Amino acid sequence: MGDCCSVPKQSQSESASLCAQCGTKGRSIDRRTVLHHVKSKLLSRVGDDDYRFCPAPACAVVYYGAGGAVFTVNDVRELITAKVNGDTRPLCYCFGFTEGDIRKELAQVGQTKIPAQIGQFIKEKLCACEIRNPTGVCCLGEVNKTAQQLVAKGAAENA
């Protein structure tokens, strides 16, 4: 596997590809990632398209292909971070951390070590983000962002 936490380069023509449902620019996604996440009964529809991930929270589309294939939140095997909210919202697909895990740790000990744990796992090359994360990229940015938001929210509630 490659460096799971590096950002793949996109050509100008790739970055112009929009989700037909919502018009949001999608990011290129490896076909293997699509195959890993689409429900088994739909795998025959994947084909050889060049796929994109739609990050728009309000859009039901998860993956869309250059040839017109579309896979929605109902077509994938697990919740998609960008498409759900709350404690069950997955943040790290390699190690199973959710928003609720961070919230619980903050409530119990006043801080979270989850981002540091994931960072250590990444250093040890134990992640497979390019396949396991439906977005095809490292989760650590989203984990850190969520942890910071939850800490700030807790601080605001305690003020």
N, C-alpha and C. Protein backbone atom coordinates (compact mmCIF):
# COMPACT_ATOMS: atom_id res chain seq x y z
N MET A 1 0.83 -1.18 0.00
CA MET A 1 0.00 0.00 0.00
C MET A 1 0.87 1.24 0.00
N GLY A 2 0.33 2.30 -0.52
CA GLY A 2 1.06 3.56 -0.56
C GLY A 2 0.99 4.26 0.78
N ASP A 3 1.39 5.51 0.78
CA ASP A 3 1.33 6.32 1.97
C ASP A 3 -0.12 6.73 2.17
N CYS A 4 -0.79 6.13 3.14
CA CYS A 4 -2.23 6.32 3.30
C CYS A 4 -2.59 7.74 3.70
N CYS A 5 -1.67 8.49 4.19
CA CYS A 5 -2.01 9.83 4.66
C CYS A 5 -1.48 10.92 3.76
N SER A 6 -1.07 10.57 2.55
CA SER A 6 -0.69 11.59 1.59
C SER A 6 -1.91 11.97 0.77
N VAL A 7 -1.91 13.18 0.25
CA VAL A 7 -3.05 13.65 -0.53
C VAL A 7 -2.77 13.38 -2.01
N PRO A 8 -3.64 12.60 -2.68
CA PRO A 8 -3.42 12.33 -4.10
C PRO A 8 -3.56 13.60 -4.93
N LYS A 9 -2.77 13.69 -5.97
CA LYS A 9 -2.82 14.85 -6.86
C LYS A 9 -3.99 14.67 -7.83
N GLN A 10 -4.65 15.79 -8.13
CA GLN A 10 -5.76 15.75 -9.07
C GLN A 10 -5.44 16.68 -10.24
N SER A 11 -5.78 16.23 -11.42
CA SER A 11 -5.59 17.10 -12.59
C SER A 11 -6.72 18.13 -12.62
N GLN A 12 -6.54 19.18 -13.39
CA GLN A 12 -7.54 20.22 -13.48
C GLN A 12 -8.87 19.67 -14.00
N SER A 13 -8.81 18.76 -14.98
CA SER A 13 -10.05 18.21 -15.52
C SER A 13 -10.75 17.35 -14.48
N GLU A 14 -9.99 16.66 -13.62
CA GLU A 14 -10.59 15.85 -12.57
C GLU A 14 -11.32 16.73 -11.56
N SER A 15 -10.70 17.82 -11.15
CA SER A 15 -11.29 18.66 -10.12
C SER A 15 -12.55 19.36 -10.59
N ALA A 16 -12.80 19.39 -11.89
CA ALA A 16 -13.99 20.04 -12.42
C ALA A 16 -15.19 19.10 -12.45
N SER A 17 -15.02 17.84 -12.14
CA SER A 17 -16.11 16.88 -12.20
C SER A 17 -17.05 17.08 -11.01
N LEU A 18 -18.33 17.26 -11.32
CA LEU A 18 -19.31 17.57 -10.30
C LEU A 18 -20.30 16.44 -10.09
N CYS A 19 -20.79 16.33 -8.87
CA CYS A 19 -21.84 15.37 -8.54
C CYS A 19 -23.11 15.80 -9.28
N ALA A 20 -23.69 14.89 -10.04
CA ALA A 20 -24.90 15.20 -10.81
C ALA A 20 -26.09 15.50 -9.90
N GLN A 21 -26.06 14.99 -8.70
CA GLN A 21 -27.17 15.19 -7.75
C GLN A 21 -27.15 16.58 -7.12
N CYS A 22 -25.96 17.04 -6.66
CA CYS A 22 -25.91 18.29 -5.89
C CYS A 22 -24.99 19.35 -6.48
N GLY A 23 -24.15 18.99 -7.45
CA GLY A 23 -23.25 19.94 -8.08
C GLY A 23 -21.96 20.19 -7.33
N THR A 24 -21.70 19.45 -6.26
CA THR A 24 -20.48 19.60 -5.49
C THR A 24 -19.32 18.93 -6.21
N LYS A 25 -18.16 19.56 -6.16
CA LYS A 25 -16.96 18.94 -6.74
C LYS A 25 -16.59 17.72 -5.89
N GLY A 26 -16.46 16.60 -6.58
CA GLY A 26 -16.06 15.38 -5.89
C GLY A 26 -14.57 15.16 -6.01
N ARG A 27 -14.03 14.40 -5.10
CA ARG A 27 -12.61 14.08 -5.16
C ARG A 27 -12.44 12.69 -5.77
N SER A 28 -11.37 12.53 -6.53
CA SER A 28 -11.08 11.22 -7.13
C SER A 28 -10.94 10.18 -6.04
N ILE A 29 -11.44 9.01 -6.35
CA ILE A 29 -11.41 7.91 -5.39
C ILE A 29 -10.96 6.65 -6.13
N ASP A 30 -10.13 5.88 -5.50
CA ASP A 30 -9.66 4.64 -6.09
C ASP A 30 -10.82 3.66 -6.21
N ARG A 31 -10.90 2.98 -7.30
CA ARG A 31 -11.96 1.99 -7.54
C ARG A 31 -11.98 0.93 -6.43
N ARG A 32 -10.80 0.58 -5.91
CA ARG A 32 -10.73 -0.41 -4.82
C ARG A 32 -11.50 0.06 -3.59
N THR A 33 -11.46 1.36 -3.34
CA THR A 33 -12.20 1.91 -2.20
C THR A 33 -13.69 1.76 -2.41
N VAL A 34 -14.14 2.04 -3.61
CA VAL A 34 -15.56 1.87 -3.95
C VAL A 34 -15.95 0.40 -3.76
N LEU A 35 -15.15 -0.50 -4.28
CA LEU A 35 -15.43 -1.94 -4.15
C LEU A 35 -15.48 -2.37 -2.68
N HIS A 36 -14.66 -1.78 -1.87
CA HIS A 36 -14.62 -2.13 -0.44
C HIS A 36 -15.88 -1.68 0.29
N HIS A 37 -16.49 -0.59 -0.14
CA HIS A 37 -17.61 -0.01 0.61
C HIS A 37 -19.00 -0.29 0.06
N VAL A 38 -19.11 -0.55 -1.22
CA VAL A 38 -20.42 -0.83 -1.81
C VAL A 38 -20.91 -2.20 -1.34
N LYS A 39 -22.19 -2.30 -1.05
CA LYS A 39 -22.78 -3.56 -0.61
C LYS A 39 -22.52 -4.64 -1.66
N SER A 40 -22.30 -5.86 -1.18
CA SER A 40 -21.91 -6.96 -2.07
C SER A 40 -22.92 -7.20 -3.20
N LYS A 41 -24.19 -7.03 -2.94
CA LYS A 41 -25.20 -7.27 -3.98
C LYS A 41 -25.13 -6.25 -5.13
N LEU A 42 -24.37 -5.14 -4.91
CA LEU A 42 -24.25 -4.10 -5.94
C LEU A 42 -22.88 -4.06 -6.61
N LEU A 43 -22.00 -4.94 -6.23
CA LEU A 43 -20.63 -4.92 -6.76
C LEU A 43 -20.57 -5.04 -8.27
N SER A 44 -21.49 -5.76 -8.87
CA SER A 44 -21.47 -5.93 -10.32
C SER A 44 -21.73 -4.61 -11.06
N ARG A 45 -22.30 -3.63 -10.37
CA ARG A 45 -22.56 -2.32 -10.98
C ARG A 45 -21.34 -1.40 -10.97
N VAL A 46 -20.30 -1.75 -10.22
CA VAL A 46 -19.14 -0.86 -10.07
C VAL A 46 -18.40 -0.68 -11.39
N GLY A 47 -18.14 -1.72 -12.13
CA GLY A 47 -17.47 -1.61 -13.42
C GLY A 47 -16.09 -0.97 -13.32
N ASP A 48 -15.65 -0.40 -14.43
CA ASP A 48 -14.30 0.18 -14.51
C ASP A 48 -14.30 1.70 -14.55
N ASP A 49 -15.38 2.33 -14.13
CA ASP A 49 -15.47 3.79 -14.11
C ASP A 49 -14.36 4.43 -13.29
N ASP A 50 -14.07 5.69 -13.60
CA ASP A 50 -13.28 6.54 -12.71
C ASP A 50 -14.29 7.12 -11.73
N TYR A 51 -14.04 6.92 -10.43
CA TYR A 51 -15.01 7.32 -9.42
C TYR A 51 -14.58 8.55 -8.65
N ARG A 52 -15.61 9.20 -8.08
CA ARG A 52 -15.44 10.37 -7.23
C ARG A 52 -16.28 10.17 -5.98
N PHE A 53 -15.84 10.79 -4.89
CA PHE A 53 -16.58 10.82 -3.63
C PHE A 53 -17.24 12.17 -3.50
N CYS A 54 -18.54 12.20 -3.20
CA CYS A 54 -19.26 13.45 -2.99
C CYS A 54 -19.26 13.77 -1.49
N PRO A 55 -18.59 14.87 -1.10
CA PRO A 55 -18.49 15.20 0.33
C PRO A 55 -19.67 16.00 0.89
N ALA A 56 -20.63 16.37 0.08
CA ALA A 56 -21.73 17.22 0.54
C ALA A 56 -22.59 16.50 1.57
N PRO A 57 -22.70 17.05 2.77
CA PRO A 57 -23.47 16.38 3.84
C PRO A 57 -24.94 16.15 3.49
N ALA A 58 -25.56 17.06 2.78
CA ALA A 58 -26.99 16.93 2.48
C ALA A 58 -27.28 16.06 1.25
N CYS A 59 -26.25 15.65 0.53
CA CYS A 59 -26.42 14.85 -0.67
C CYS A 59 -26.32 13.36 -0.32
N ALA A 60 -27.25 12.57 -0.80
CA ALA A 60 -27.25 11.13 -0.52
C ALA A 60 -26.20 10.38 -1.33
N VAL A 61 -25.65 11.00 -2.38
CA VAL A 61 -24.65 10.34 -3.21
C VAL A 61 -23.33 10.21 -2.45
N VAL A 62 -22.77 9.02 -2.46
CA VAL A 62 -21.46 8.78 -1.86
C VAL A 62 -20.42 8.72 -2.98
N TYR A 63 -20.66 7.85 -3.98
CA TYR A 63 -19.75 7.69 -5.10
C TYR A 63 -20.49 7.89 -6.41
N TYR A 64 -19.82 8.49 -7.36
CA TYR A 64 -20.38 8.61 -8.71
C TYR A 64 -19.25 8.41 -9.71
N GLY A 65 -19.60 7.75 -10.82
CA GLY A 65 -18.61 7.41 -11.82
C GLY A 65 -18.75 8.22 -13.08
N ALA A 66 -17.66 8.27 -13.83
CA ALA A 66 -17.63 9.00 -15.10
C ALA A 66 -18.65 8.44 -16.09
N GLY A 67 -18.95 7.17 -15.97
CA GLY A 67 -19.91 6.54 -16.88
C GLY A 67 -21.34 6.60 -16.41
N GLY A 68 -21.60 7.31 -15.33
CA GLY A 68 -22.96 7.48 -14.85
C GLY A 68 -23.37 6.64 -13.66
N ALA A 69 -22.52 5.72 -13.21
CA ALA A 69 -22.86 4.92 -12.03
C ALA A 69 -22.93 5.82 -10.81
N VAL A 70 -23.92 5.56 -9.95
CA VAL A 70 -24.11 6.33 -8.72
C VAL A 70 -24.38 5.36 -7.58
N PHE A 71 -23.72 5.59 -6.45
CA PHE A 71 -23.95 4.81 -5.24
C PHE A 71 -24.26 5.78 -4.11
N THR A 72 -25.39 5.55 -3.44
CA THR A 72 -25.85 6.45 -2.38
C THR A 72 -25.55 5.86 -1.00
N VAL A 73 -25.94 6.60 0.03
CA VAL A 73 -25.74 6.13 1.40
C VAL A 73 -26.44 4.80 1.66
N ASN A 74 -27.49 4.51 0.90
CA ASN A 74 -28.18 3.23 1.05
C ASN A 74 -27.47 2.08 0.34
N ASP A 75 -26.49 2.41 -0.49
CA ASP A 75 -25.78 1.40 -1.27
C ASP A 75 -24.45 0.98 -0.65
N VAL A 76 -24.05 1.63 0.44
CA VAL A 76 -22.77 1.30 1.07
C VAL A 76 -22.99 0.57 2.39
N ARG A 77 -21.95 -0.12 2.82
CA ARG A 77 -22.06 -1.02 3.96
C ARG A 77 -22.02 -0.35 5.34
N GLU A 78 -21.54 0.89 5.40
CA GLU A 78 -21.43 1.53 6.72
C GLU A 78 -21.74 3.02 6.61
N LEU A 79 -21.88 3.64 7.76
CA LEU A 79 -22.15 5.08 7.80
C LEU A 79 -20.97 5.84 7.22
N ILE A 80 -21.25 6.96 6.59
CA ILE A 80 -20.23 7.80 5.97
C ILE A 80 -20.08 9.06 6.82
N THR A 81 -18.87 9.34 7.28
CA THR A 81 -18.60 10.45 8.18
C THR A 81 -19.25 11.74 7.72
N ALA A 82 -19.08 12.10 6.46
CA ALA A 82 -19.58 13.37 5.93
C ALA A 82 -21.11 13.41 5.84
N LYS A 83 -21.76 12.27 5.95
CA LYS A 83 -23.20 12.21 5.70
C LYS A 83 -24.04 12.00 6.96
N VAL A 84 -23.42 11.84 8.14
CA VAL A 84 -24.17 11.60 9.37
C VAL A 84 -23.64 12.48 10.51
N ASN A 85 -24.44 12.58 11.56
CA ASN A 85 -24.07 13.32 12.76
C ASN A 85 -24.32 12.46 13.99
N GLY A 86 -23.73 12.85 15.11
CA GLY A 86 -24.01 12.19 16.37
C GLY A 86 -22.94 11.21 16.79
N ASP A 87 -23.21 10.54 17.89
CA ASP A 87 -22.22 9.66 18.51
C ASP A 87 -21.83 8.47 17.65
N THR A 88 -22.71 8.00 16.78
CA THR A 88 -22.36 6.84 15.94
C THR A 88 -21.56 7.24 14.71
N ARG A 89 -21.36 8.53 14.50
CA ARG A 89 -20.62 9.03 13.33
C ARG A 89 -19.20 8.49 13.34
N PRO A 90 -18.85 7.68 12.34
CA PRO A 90 -17.50 7.13 12.30
C PRO A 90 -16.47 8.22 11.98
N LEU A 91 -15.36 8.19 12.69
CA LEU A 91 -14.28 9.14 12.42
C LEU A 91 -13.05 8.43 11.88
N CYS A 92 -12.80 7.24 12.37
CA CYS A 92 -11.62 6.48 11.95
C CYS A 92 -12.07 5.07 11.57
N TYR A 93 -11.96 4.77 10.29
CA TYR A 93 -12.41 3.48 9.78
C TYR A 93 -11.38 2.38 10.01
N CYS A 94 -10.13 2.73 10.16
CA CYS A 94 -9.10 1.71 10.39
C CYS A 94 -9.16 1.15 11.81
N PHE A 95 -9.44 2.04 12.78
CA PHE A 95 -9.38 1.62 14.18
C PHE A 95 -10.71 1.75 14.91
N GLY A 96 -11.75 2.14 14.19
CA GLY A 96 -13.11 2.09 14.72
C GLY A 96 -13.54 3.21 15.66
N PHE A 97 -12.84 4.32 15.70
CA PHE A 97 -13.23 5.40 16.59
C PHE A 97 -14.40 6.19 16.01
N THR A 98 -15.32 6.59 16.90
CA THR A 98 -16.48 7.36 16.52
C THR A 98 -16.48 8.71 17.24
N GLU A 99 -17.38 9.58 16.83
CA GLU A 99 -17.55 10.85 17.53
C GLU A 99 -17.91 10.60 19.00
N GLY A 100 -18.73 9.59 19.22
CA GLY A 100 -19.13 9.24 20.59
C GLY A 100 -17.95 8.83 21.46
N ASP A 101 -16.97 8.18 20.88
CA ASP A 101 -15.78 7.78 21.65
C ASP A 101 -15.03 9.01 22.16
N ILE A 102 -14.91 10.01 21.30
CA ILE A 102 -14.23 11.24 21.72
C ILE A 102 -15.07 11.96 22.78
N ARG A 103 -16.36 12.06 22.55
CA ARG A 103 -17.26 12.72 23.49
C ARG A 103 -17.20 12.04 24.87
N LYS A 104 -17.21 10.72 24.88
CA LYS A 104 -17.17 9.95 26.14
C LYS A 104 -15.85 10.19 26.87
N GLU A 105 -14.76 10.14 26.15
CA GLU A 105 -13.45 10.35 26.77
C GLU A 105 -13.34 11.77 27.34
N LEU A 106 -13.85 12.75 26.62
CA LEU A 106 -13.84 14.13 27.12
C LEU A 106 -14.67 14.26 28.40
N ALA A 107 -15.81 13.59 28.43
CA ALA A 107 -16.68 13.64 29.60
C ALA A 107 -16.03 12.95 30.81
N GLN A 108 -15.31 11.87 30.56
CA GLN A 108 -14.73 11.09 31.65
C GLN A 108 -13.44 11.68 32.20
N VAL A 109 -12.56 12.15 31.30
CA VAL A 109 -11.24 12.60 31.75
C VAL A 109 -10.89 14.03 31.36
N GLY A 110 -11.79 14.70 30.65
CA GLY A 110 -11.57 16.09 30.30
C GLY A 110 -10.66 16.35 29.12
N GLN A 111 -10.19 15.30 28.49
CA GLN A 111 -9.36 15.42 27.29
C GLN A 111 -9.49 14.14 26.48
N THR A 112 -8.98 14.18 25.27
CA THR A 112 -9.01 12.97 24.45
C THR A 112 -7.61 12.66 23.94
N LYS A 113 -7.29 11.40 23.99
CA LYS A 113 -6.01 10.92 23.46
C LYS A 113 -6.19 10.19 22.13
N ILE A 114 -7.41 10.15 21.65
CA ILE A 114 -7.70 9.42 20.41
C ILE A 114 -6.90 9.95 19.23
N PRO A 115 -6.82 11.26 18.99
CA PRO A 115 -6.00 11.72 17.86
C PRO A 115 -4.54 11.29 17.98
N ALA A 116 -3.99 11.34 19.19
CA ALA A 116 -2.61 10.90 19.39
C ALA A 116 -2.45 9.40 19.15
N GLN A 117 -3.44 8.62 19.58
CA GLN A 117 -3.40 7.17 19.34
C GLN A 117 -3.39 6.88 17.85
N ILE A 118 -4.27 7.54 17.13
CA ILE A 118 -4.34 7.32 15.68
C ILE A 118 -3.03 7.76 15.03
N GLY A 119 -2.49 8.91 15.47
CA GLY A 119 -1.21 9.39 14.95
C GLY A 119 -0.11 8.37 15.15
N GLN A 120 -0.10 7.73 16.31
CA GLN A 120 0.91 6.69 16.58
C GLN A 120 0.71 5.49 15.66
N PHE A 121 -0.53 5.08 15.48
CA PHE A 121 -0.82 3.96 14.59
C PHE A 121 -0.37 4.26 13.16
N ILE A 122 -0.56 5.52 12.73
CA ILE A 122 -0.13 5.94 11.40
C ILE A 122 1.39 5.83 11.29
N LYS A 123 2.10 6.32 12.31
CA LYS A 123 3.57 6.24 12.32
C LYS A 123 4.05 4.80 12.23
N GLU A 124 3.29 3.90 12.84
CA GLU A 124 3.62 2.48 12.82
C GLU A 124 3.14 1.79 11.54
N LYS A 125 2.58 2.57 10.62
CA LYS A 125 2.09 2.09 9.33
C LYS A 125 1.03 0.99 9.48
N LEU A 126 0.12 1.20 10.43
CA LEU A 126 -0.93 0.23 10.69
C LEU A 126 -2.26 0.60 10.04
N CYS A 127 -2.30 1.73 9.38
CA CYS A 127 -3.56 2.16 8.78
C CYS A 127 -3.65 1.74 7.30
N ALA A 128 -4.86 1.77 6.81
CA ALA A 128 -5.13 1.48 5.40
C ALA A 128 -6.22 2.43 4.93
N CYS A 129 -6.02 3.71 5.22
CA CYS A 129 -7.04 4.74 4.96
C CYS A 129 -7.49 4.80 3.51
N GLU A 130 -6.57 4.59 2.58
CA GLU A 130 -6.92 4.73 1.18
C GLU A 130 -7.97 3.71 0.74
N ILE A 131 -8.14 2.64 1.51
CA ILE A 131 -9.15 1.63 1.22
C ILE A 131 -10.28 1.67 2.24
N ARG A 132 -9.94 1.68 3.52
CA ARG A 132 -10.94 1.55 4.58
C ARG A 132 -11.78 2.80 4.78
N ASN A 133 -11.20 3.99 4.56
CA ASN A 133 -11.97 5.23 4.70
C ASN A 133 -12.72 5.46 3.40
N PRO A 134 -14.04 5.62 3.45
CA PRO A 134 -14.80 5.82 2.22
C PRO A 134 -14.36 7.02 1.39
N THR A 135 -13.69 8.00 2.01
CA THR A 135 -13.20 9.15 1.26
C THR A 135 -11.87 8.87 0.60
N GLY A 136 -11.23 7.76 0.96
CA GLY A 136 -9.95 7.39 0.36
C GLY A 136 -8.76 8.16 0.90
N VAL A 137 -8.94 8.91 1.98
CA VAL A 137 -7.84 9.68 2.57
C VAL A 137 -7.75 9.43 4.06
N CYS A 138 -6.67 9.90 4.64
CA CYS A 138 -6.43 9.75 6.07
C CYS A 138 -7.52 10.45 6.88
N CYS A 139 -7.92 9.83 7.96
CA CYS A 139 -8.99 10.36 8.81
C CYS A 139 -8.50 11.38 9.83
N LEU A 140 -7.21 11.47 10.06
CA LEU A 140 -6.70 12.24 11.19
C LEU A 140 -7.14 13.70 11.17
N GLY A 141 -7.24 14.31 10.02
CA GLY A 141 -7.73 15.69 9.93
C GLY A 141 -9.14 15.82 10.48
N GLU A 142 -10.02 14.92 10.09
CA GLU A 142 -11.41 14.94 10.57
C GLU A 142 -11.47 14.63 12.05
N VAL A 143 -10.64 13.71 12.52
CA VAL A 143 -10.60 13.36 13.94
C VAL A 143 -10.18 14.58 14.76
N ASN A 144 -9.11 15.25 14.33
CA ASN A 144 -8.63 16.44 15.04
C ASN A 144 -9.68 17.55 15.03
N LYS A 145 -10.29 17.78 13.89
CA LYS A 145 -11.31 18.83 13.76
C LYS A 145 -12.48 18.55 14.70
N THR A 146 -12.95 17.32 14.72
CA THR A 146 -14.07 16.94 15.58
C THR A 146 -13.69 17.07 17.05
N ALA A 147 -12.50 16.61 17.42
CA ALA A 147 -12.05 16.72 18.81
C ALA A 147 -12.00 18.19 19.24
N GLN A 148 -11.45 19.05 18.38
CA GLN A 148 -11.37 20.48 18.71
C GLN A 148 -12.76 21.09 18.86
N GLN A 149 -13.69 20.71 18.00
CA GLN A 149 -15.06 21.23 18.09
C GLN A 149 -15.73 20.78 19.38
N LEU A 150 -15.54 19.52 19.74
CA LEU A 150 -16.15 19.00 20.97
C LEU A 150 -15.54 19.62 22.22
N VAL A 151 -14.22 19.85 22.20
CA VAL A 151 -13.57 20.52 23.33
C VAL A 151 -14.11 21.94 23.46
N ALA A 152 -14.20 22.65 22.34
CA ALA A 152 -14.71 24.03 22.35
C ALA A 152 -16.17 24.06 22.81
N LYS A 153 -16.96 23.12 22.37
CA LYS A 153 -18.36 23.07 22.76
C LYS A 153 -18.47 22.81 24.26
N GLY A 154 -17.66 21.90 24.78
CA GLY A 154 -17.65 21.62 26.22
C GLY A 154 -17.22 22.82 27.02
N ALA A 155 -16.20 23.55 26.53
CA ALA A 155 -15.73 24.74 27.22
C ALA A 155 -16.81 25.82 27.22
N ALA A 156 -17.54 25.94 26.11
CA ALA A 156 -18.60 26.95 26.01
C ALA A 156 -19.76 26.60 26.95
N GLU A 157 -20.06 25.32 27.06
CA GLU A 157 -21.16 24.88 27.93
C GLU A 157 -20.80 25.05 29.40
N ASN A 158 -19.51 24.94 29.72
CA ASN A 158 -19.06 25.07 31.10
C ASN A 158 -18.78 26.52 31.51
N ALA A 159 -18.87 27.43 30.56
CA ALA A 159 -18.56 28.84 30.87
C ALA A 159 -19.72 29.56 31.51
